[in-house]
C-alpha atoms as a PDB file:
ATOM      1  CA  UNK A   1     181.808 271.154 112.835  1.00  0.00           C
ATOM      2  CA  UNK A   2     180.815 271.084 109.156  1.00  0.00           C
ATOM      3  CA  UNK A   3     182.518 267.696 108.765  1.00  0.00           C
ATOM      4  CA  UNK A   4     180.573 266.200 111.668  1.00  0.00           C
ATOM      5  CA  UNK A   5     177.244 267.461 110.290  1.00  0.00           C
ATOM      6  CA  UNK A   6     178.179 266.114 106.831  1.00  0.00           C
ATOM      7  CA  UNK A   7     178.880 262.657 108.314  1.00  0.00           C
ATOM      8  CA  UNK A   8     175.593 262.614 110.270  1.00  0.00           C
ATOM      9  CA  UNK A   9     173.539 263.607 107.203  1.00  0.00           C
ATOM     10  CA  UNK A  10     175.356 261.189 104.869  1.00  0.00           C
ATOM     11  CA  UNK A  11     173.064 258.312 103.825  1.00  0.00           C
ATOM     12  CA  UNK A  12     175.120 256.885 101.007  1.00  0.00           C
ATOM     13  CA  UNK A  13     175.827 253.560 102.798  1.00  0.00           C
ATOM     14  CA  UNK A  14     172.218 252.945 103.907  1.00  0.00           C
ATOM     15  CA  UNK A  15     171.055 251.562 100.540  1.00  0.00           C
ATOM     16  CA  UNK A  16     174.047 249.243 100.305  1.00  0.00           C
ATOM     17  CA  UNK A  17     173.310 247.926 103.837  1.00  0.00           C
ATOM     18  CA  UNK A  18     169.650 247.298 103.051  1.00  0.00           C
ATOM     19  CA  UNK A  19     170.555 245.468  99.854  1.00  0.00           C
ATOM     20  CA  UNK A  20     173.097 243.416 101.719  1.00  0.00           C
ATOM     21  CA  UNK A  21     170.496 242.364 104.304  1.00  0.00           C
ATOM     22  CA  UNK A  22     168.010 241.458 101.595  1.00  0.00           C
ATOM     23  CA  UNK A  23     170.502 239.442  99.580  1.00  0.00           C
ATOM     24  CA  UNK A  24     171.805 237.615 102.644  1.00  0.00           C
ATOM     25  CA  UNK A  25     168.258 236.756 103.794  1.00  0.00           C
ATOM     26  CA  UNK A  26     167.413 235.296 100.387  1.00  0.00           C
ATOM     27  CA  UNK A  27     170.726 233.351 100.422  1.00  0.00           C
ATOM     28  CA  UNK A  28     170.003 231.896 103.854  1.00  0.00           C
ATOM     29  CA  UNK A  29     166.467 230.829 102.884  1.00  0.00           C
ATOM     30  CA  UNK A  30     167.765 229.213  99.711  1.00  0.00           C
ATOM     31  CA  UNK A  31     170.455 227.395 101.716  1.00  0.00           C
ATOM     32  CA  UNK A  32     167.867 226.032 104.156  1.00  0.00           C
ATOM     33  CA  UNK A  33     165.722 224.677 101.355  1.00  0.00           C
ATOM     34  CA  UNK A  34     168.766 223.183  99.628  1.00  0.00           C
ATOM     35  CA  UNK A  35     169.994 221.452 102.800  1.00  0.00           C
ATOM     36  CA  UNK A  36     166.531 220.057 103.404  1.00  0.00           C
ATOM     37  CA  UNK A  37     166.587 218.465  99.935  1.00  0.00           C
ATOM     38  CA  UNK A  38     170.053 217.119 100.529  1.00  0.00           C
ATOM     39  CA  UNK A  39     168.928 215.517 103.807  1.00  0.00           C
ATOM     40  CA  UNK A  40     165.947 213.851 102.119  1.00  0.00           C
ATOM     41  CA  UNK A  41     168.137 212.460  99.321  1.00  0.00           C
ATOM     42  CA  UNK A  42     170.755 211.184 101.747  1.00  0.00           C
ATOM     43  CA  UNK A  43     168.027 209.341 103.697  1.00  0.00           C
ATOM     44  CA  UNK A  44     166.713 207.825 100.451  1.00  0.00           C
ATOM     45  CA  UNK A  45     170.200 206.634  99.426  1.00  0.00           C
ATOM     46  CA  UNK A  46     170.908 205.125 102.861  1.00  0.00           C
ATOM     47  CA  UNK A  47     167.575 203.327 102.675  1.00  0.00           C
ATOM     48  CA  UNK A  48     168.631 201.895  99.285  1.00  0.00           C
ATOM     49  CA  UNK A  49     171.913 200.686 100.812  1.00  0.00           C
ATOM     50  CA  UNK A  50     170.078 199.118 103.723  1.00  0.00           C
ATOM     51  CA  UNK A  51     167.651 197.375 101.401  1.00  0.00           C
ATOM     52  CA  UNK A  52     170.579 196.038  99.358  1.00  0.00           C
ATOM     53  CA  UNK A  53     172.184 194.530 102.430  1.00  0.00           C
ATOM     54  CA  UNK A  54     168.838 193.117 103.550  1.00  0.00           C
ATOM     55  CA  UNK A  55     168.250 191.417 100.195  1.00  0.00           C
ATOM     56  CA  UNK A  56     171.497 189.451 100.292  1.00  0.00           C
ATOM     57  CA  UNK A  57     170.672 185.745 100.490  1.00  0.00           C
ATOM     58  CA  UNK A  58     172.629 184.305 103.425  1.00  0.00           C
ATOM     59  CA  UNK A  59     171.319 180.747 103.092  1.00  0.00           C
ATOM     60  CA  UNK A  60     173.875 177.964 103.131  1.00  0.00           C
ATOM     61  CA  UNK A  61     173.653 174.215 103.319  1.00  0.00           C
ATOM     62  CA  UNK A  62     176.367 171.597 103.910  1.00  0.00           C
ATOM     63  CA  UNK A  63     175.283 168.121 102.970  1.00  0.00           C
ATOM     64  CA  UNK A  64     176.031 165.260 105.313  1.00  0.00           C
ATOM     65  CA  UNK A  65     178.350 162.380 104.393  1.00  0.00           C
ATOM     66  CA  UNK A  66     177.211 158.772 104.619  1.00  0.00           C
ATOM     67  CA  UNK A  67     179.630 155.892 104.302  1.00  0.00           C
ATOM     68  CA  UNK A  68     179.997 152.251 105.333  1.00  0.00           C
ATOM     69  CA  UNK A  69     181.333 152.940 108.821  1.00  0.00           C
ATOM     70  CA  UNK A  70     179.275 155.975 109.766  1.00  0.00           C
ATOM     71  CA  UNK A  71     177.934 159.322 108.806  1.00  0.00           C
ATOM     72  CA  UNK A  72     178.321 163.049 109.506  1.00  0.00           C
ATOM     73  CA  UNK A  73     175.189 165.121 109.604  1.00  0.00           C
ATOM     74  CA  UNK A  74     175.051 168.252 107.573  1.00  0.00           C
ATOM     75  CA  UNK A  75     174.062 171.723 108.576  1.00  0.00           C
ATOM     76  CA  UNK A  76     171.616 174.197 107.146  1.00  0.00           C
ATOM     77  CA  UNK A  77     170.753 177.849 107.700  1.00  0.00           C
ATOM     78  CA  UNK A  78     167.834 179.694 106.162  1.00  0.00           C
ATOM     79  CA  UNK A  79     167.668 183.431 105.971  1.00  0.00           C
ATOM     80  CA  UNK A  80     164.110 184.658 106.599  1.00  0.00           C
ATOM     81  CA  UNK A  81     162.906 188.020 105.464  1.00  0.00           C
ATOM     82  CA  UNK A  82     163.386 190.686 108.162  1.00  0.00           C
ATOM     83  CA  UNK A  83     160.753 193.254 109.062  1.00  0.00           C
ATOM     84  CA  UNK A  84     162.252 196.159 107.087  1.00  0.00           C
ATOM     85  CA  UNK A  85     163.911 194.393 104.153  1.00  0.00           C
ATOM     86  CA  UNK A  86     161.718 195.961 101.520  1.00  0.00           C
ATOM     87  CA  UNK A  87     162.420 199.190  99.659  1.00  0.00           C
ATOM     88  CA  UNK A  88     160.328 202.235 100.526  1.00  0.00           C
ATOM     89  CA  UNK A  89     160.266 201.639 104.270  1.00  0.00           C
ATOM     90  CA  UNK A  90     161.611 205.059 105.203  1.00  0.00           C
ATOM     91  CA  UNK A  91     159.300 208.045 104.830  1.00  0.00           C
ATOM     92  CA  UNK A  92     159.996 211.598 105.746  1.00  0.00           C
ATOM     93  CA  UNK A  93     158.023 213.167 108.545  1.00  0.00           C
ATOM     94  CA  UNK A  94     156.187 215.443 106.110  1.00  0.00           C
ATOM     95  CA  UNK A  95     154.654 212.495 104.174  1.00  0.00           C
ATOM     96  CA  UNK A  96     153.412 210.490 107.169  1.00  0.00           C
ATOM     97  CA  UNK A  97     149.709 210.713 107.642  1.00  0.00           C
ATOM     98  CA  UNK A  98     149.048 211.668 104.054  1.00  0.00           C
ATOM     99  CA  UNK A  99     147.796 209.315 101.405  1.00  0.00           C
ATOM    100  CA  UNK A 100     144.690 207.229 101.473  1.00  0.00           C
ATOM    101  CA  UNK A 101     143.492 208.497 104.852  1.00  0.00           C
ATOM    102  CA  UNK A 102     143.884 205.187 106.689  1.00  0.00           C
ATOM    103  CA  UNK A 103     146.771 206.468 108.816  1.00  0.00           C
ATOM    104  CA  UNK A 104     149.273 204.115 107.351  1.00  0.00           C
ATOM    105  CA  UNK A 105     151.277 206.785 105.558  1.00  0.00           C
ATOM    106  CA  UNK A 106     151.650 204.632 102.431  1.00  0.00           C
ATOM    107  CA  UNK A 107     150.660 205.672  98.956  1.00  0.00           C
END
């Protein structure tokens, strides 16, 4: 019976458990902030890659041939600027609506 009462009154593990909960809570909060920053940076890098692909000049031109007996017409293709070919098109949800107050979300 003395052993059972000693186990019930023993509070030696309580402080360790409270510290463990506190440390794990701080670690989880830090991980959430870190993953948020990683997500923002991945979006920025993917936007840079998309802008690089959009800025490739795809224009080509094949001149026609003209001779004594006939001719062959040439061909031409011009690459126009797409809607989102500029850098800085992607903004995170937290920055939209901020800025000059005109609702455009641009700085």
